[in-house]
């Protein structure tokens, strides 16, 4: 006769199985976690939320998104009128070259007319233009209504990021995907048409 205690054997098999399962799970967690993007990678490529509640009319803020500088400009009523006045000076006044999301393909190249969100990289050779206000007519010329000047090769862009004729830059500045999260928050990197 067999004197084997089957209940003791079942307990040992179950305990060993549980301990083995815990070991496999313990080894799998760091392995699976290694597939997730790092904090640095998330910051470099993920959406960036910007609070613009304290951005005064006429003021410009620069933020980083995907390792690129992005301008956020709160345009005044005068600035909006000057954008219309620049139509005849622009190479692509209607933004026919698709350097902006469909929801920003309008005269201001933005969701809200007073808020511009523009990638601050010249489309000529990748330099970063400077903000030049309308008051700088002595240096920029009498037809200057304000905008952006690339110091490297002289490309000029209006307050909507449209390239002015005669500039080495071939196209308008790029408008990134973005969306508003309430009245005072912008999420750069989130497409407004998906909200």
Protein backbone atom coordinates (compact mmCIF):
# COMPACT_ATOMS: atom_id res chain seq x y z
CA UNK A 1 0.00 0.00 0.00
CA UNK A 2 1.00 3.60 -0.80
CA UNK A 3 1.44 5.75 2.35
CA UNK A 4 1.75 9.02 0.40
CA UNK A 5 -0.10 11.98 1.89
CA UNK A 6 -1.79 13.41 -1.24
CA UNK A 7 -3.05 16.54 0.52
CA UNK A 8 0.50 17.40 1.56
CA UNK A 9 1.68 16.83 -2.05
CA UNK A 10 -1.09 19.10 -3.41
CA UNK A 11 -0.12 21.80 -0.91
CA UNK A 12 3.56 21.62 -1.92
CA UNK A 13 2.71 21.73 -5.65
CA UNK A 14 0.39 24.71 -5.10
CA UNK A 15 2.93 26.55 -2.91
CA UNK A 16 5.71 25.95 -5.43
CA UNK A 17 3.47 27.13 -8.29
CA UNK A 18 2.53 30.31 -6.41
CA UNK A 19 6.18 31.03 -5.54
CA UNK A 20 7.20 30.42 -9.17
CA UNK A 21 4.41 32.72 -10.44
CA UNK A 22 5.53 35.48 -8.08
CA UNK A 23 9.11 35.05 -9.29
CA UNK A 24 8.07 35.26 -12.96
CA UNK A 25 5.96 38.36 -12.27
CA UNK A 26 8.82 39.94 -10.30
CA UNK A 27 11.19 39.36 -13.21
CA UNK A 28 8.65 40.53 -15.81
CA UNK A 29 7.82 43.90 -14.21
CA UNK A 30 11.24 45.51 -14.76
CA UNK A 31 11.46 43.93 -18.20
CA UNK A 32 8.10 45.37 -19.29
CA UNK A 33 8.89 48.70 -17.59
CA UNK A 34 12.05 48.97 -19.70
CA UNK A 35 9.82 49.25 -22.78
CA UNK A 36 8.08 52.37 -21.45
CA UNK A 37 9.53 55.75 -22.48
CA UNK A 38 11.69 57.50 -19.91
CA UNK A 39 10.69 60.77 -18.23
CA UNK A 40 13.15 62.54 -20.50
CA UNK A 41 11.67 60.96 -23.61
CA UNK A 42 8.15 61.87 -22.50
CA UNK A 43 9.22 65.47 -21.93
CA UNK A 44 10.94 65.61 -25.31
CA UNK A 45 8.08 64.21 -27.35
CA UNK A 46 4.90 64.44 -25.34
CA UNK A 47 2.42 67.30 -25.21
CA UNK A 48 3.40 70.40 -23.23
CA UNK A 49 0.80 72.31 -21.23
CA UNK A 50 1.31 76.08 -20.97
CA UNK A 51 -0.62 78.48 -18.74
CA UNK A 52 -1.10 81.79 -20.59
CA UNK A 53 -3.25 83.56 -17.99
CA UNK A 54 -0.47 86.07 -17.24
CA UNK A 55 0.61 86.61 -20.88
CA UNK A 56 -0.03 90.31 -21.48
CA UNK A 57 -1.28 91.66 -24.84
CA UNK A 58 1.73 92.14 -27.12
CA UNK A 59 3.90 89.79 -25.04
CA UNK A 60 5.77 86.75 -26.32
CA UNK A 61 6.60 83.59 -24.37
CA UNK A 62 8.99 80.89 -25.57
CA UNK A 63 8.48 77.28 -24.49
CA UNK A 64 10.14 74.02 -25.55
CA UNK A 65 8.28 71.22 -27.31
CA UNK A 66 10.08 68.23 -28.85
CA UNK A 67 13.37 70.06 -28.26
CA UNK A 68 12.15 72.96 -30.42
CA UNK A 69 11.43 76.54 -29.34
CA UNK A 70 7.77 77.50 -29.70
CA UNK A 71 6.50 81.07 -29.54
CA UNK A 72 3.23 81.93 -27.88
CA UNK A 73 2.29 85.50 -28.77
CA UNK A 74 -0.76 87.31 -27.44
CA UNK A 75 -1.55 89.63 -30.33
CA UNK A 76 -3.20 92.99 -29.79
CA UNK A 77 -6.03 94.36 -31.93
CA UNK A 78 -3.46 96.52 -33.74
CA UNK A 79 -1.28 93.47 -34.43
CA UNK A 80 -4.26 91.64 -35.93
CA UNK A 81 -4.94 94.60 -38.22
CA UNK A 82 -1.27 94.64 -39.26
CA UNK A 83 -1.47 90.96 -40.27
CA UNK A 84 -4.19 91.89 -42.78
CA UNK A 85 -2.07 94.80 -44.00
CA UNK A 86 0.84 92.37 -44.68
CA UNK A 87 -1.12 90.19 -47.15
CA UNK A 88 0.39 91.90 -50.20
CA UNK A 89 3.91 91.60 -48.75
CA UNK A 90 3.76 87.84 -48.10
CA UNK A 91 4.99 85.07 -50.39
CA UNK A 92 2.20 82.73 -49.27
CA UNK A 93 -0.51 84.97 -47.73
CA UNK A 94 -3.20 82.25 -47.79
CA UNK A 95 -0.94 79.56 -46.32
CA UNK A 96 -1.30 77.31 -49.36
CA UNK A 97 1.82 75.34 -48.31
CA UNK A 98 0.49 73.10 -45.52
CA UNK A 99 2.74 74.17 -42.64
CA UNK A 100 -0.18 74.39 -40.22
CA UNK A 101 -3.01 72.14 -39.07
CA UNK A 102 -6.30 72.55 -40.94
CA UNK A 103 -7.88 74.37 -37.98
CA UNK A 104 -5.12 77.03 -38.19
CA UNK A 105 -5.40 77.60 -41.94
CA UNK A 106 -6.96 81.03 -41.74
CA UNK A 107 -5.77 84.63 -42.00
CA UNK A 108 -4.24 84.55 -38.50
CA UNK A 109 -2.91 80.95 -38.72
CA UNK A 110 -4.35 80.23 -35.28
CA UNK A 111 -7.35 78.83 -33.43
CA UNK A 112 -8.03 82.12 -31.63
CA UNK A 113 -7.05 85.27 -33.51
CA UNK A 114 -5.25 86.87 -30.56
CA UNK A 115 -3.10 83.81 -29.64
CA UNK A 116 -0.34 82.74 -32.04
CA UNK A 117 1.48 79.44 -31.50
CA UNK A 118 4.44 79.13 -33.89
CA UNK A 119 7.53 76.91 -34.03
CA UNK A 120 10.45 79.37 -33.78
CA UNK A 121 12.64 77.76 -36.42
CA UNK A 122 13.33 79.49 -39.74
CA UNK A 123 12.31 77.43 -42.76
CA UNK A 124 15.48 78.50 -44.56
CA UNK A 125 18.32 76.85 -42.62
CA UNK A 126 16.83 76.14 -39.19
CA UNK A 127 18.00 79.23 -37.29
CA UNK A 128 15.79 80.82 -34.63
CA UNK A 129 14.37 84.23 -35.61
CA UNK A 130 13.99 87.14 -33.18
CA UNK A 131 10.79 88.98 -32.32
CA UNK A 132 10.95 92.49 -33.80
CA UNK A 133 8.13 94.82 -32.76
CA UNK A 134 6.46 97.28 -35.12
CA UNK A 135 8.24 100.20 -33.44
CA UNK A 136 11.56 99.03 -34.90
CA UNK A 137 10.98 100.78 -38.25
CA UNK A 138 14.41 102.46 -38.19
CA UNK A 139 16.12 99.10 -38.62
CA UNK A 140 13.37 97.13 -40.38
CA UNK A 141 11.97 99.73 -42.82
CA UNK A 142 8.80 101.80 -43.02
CA UNK A 143 6.61 98.93 -44.24
CA UNK A 144 7.50 96.83 -41.17
CA UNK A 145 4.40 96.09 -39.07
CA UNK A 146 6.18 93.85 -36.60
CA UNK A 147 7.06 90.19 -36.78
CA UNK A 148 10.11 87.98 -36.75
CA UNK A 149 13.57 88.44 -38.27
CA UNK A 150 16.08 85.63 -38.73
CA UNK A 151 19.46 87.20 -37.88
CA UNK A 152 21.45 84.58 -39.82
CA UNK A 153 20.30 85.31 -43.38
CA UNK A 154 17.64 88.01 -43.05
CA UNK A 155 14.40 86.07 -43.53
CA UNK A 156 11.41 88.09 -42.37
CA UNK A 157 8.06 86.80 -41.15
CA UNK A 158 4.92 88.70 -40.17
CA UNK A 159 3.04 88.33 -36.89
CA UNK A 160 1.26 85.22 -38.24
CA UNK A 161 4.57 83.58 -39.18
CA UNK A 162 4.06 84.16 -42.92
CA UNK A 163 7.27 84.67 -44.91
CA UNK A 164 7.68 88.08 -46.53
CA UNK A 165 8.70 88.35 -50.19
CA UNK A 166 12.42 88.66 -50.79
CA UNK A 167 13.34 86.47 -47.81
CA UNK A 168 15.65 83.49 -48.29
CA UNK A 169 13.14 81.33 -46.38
CA UNK A 170 11.01 79.43 -48.90
CA UNK A 171 7.89 78.91 -46.77
CA UNK A 172 5.92 80.19 -43.81
CA UNK A 173 6.91 79.18 -40.29
CA UNK A 174 5.41 75.92 -39.03
CA UNK A 175 2.38 75.92 -36.71
CA UNK A 176 2.47 72.90 -34.36
CA UNK A 177 -0.61 70.92 -33.43
CA UNK A 178 -2.17 72.47 -30.34
CA UNK A 179 -5.41 72.75 -28.45
CA UNK A 180 -6.91 74.93 -25.75
CA UNK A 181 -7.74 73.34 -22.39
CA UNK A 182 -9.95 76.10 -21.06
CA UNK A 183 -9.44 79.81 -21.65
CA UNK A 184 -5.92 80.04 -20.21
CA UNK A 185 -4.18 76.76 -21.04
CA UNK A 186 -2.66 75.59 -24.30
CA UNK A 187 -1.54 72.02 -24.91
CA UNK A 188 1.16 72.01 -27.57
CA UNK A 189 1.39 68.64 -29.28
CA UNK A 190 -2.30 67.83 -28.94
CA UNK A 191 -4.33 68.17 -32.11
CA UNK A 192 -7.31 70.48 -31.61
CA UNK A 193 -9.41 68.56 -34.13
CA UNK A 194 -9.26 65.48 -31.87
CA UNK A 195 -10.73 67.24 -28.84
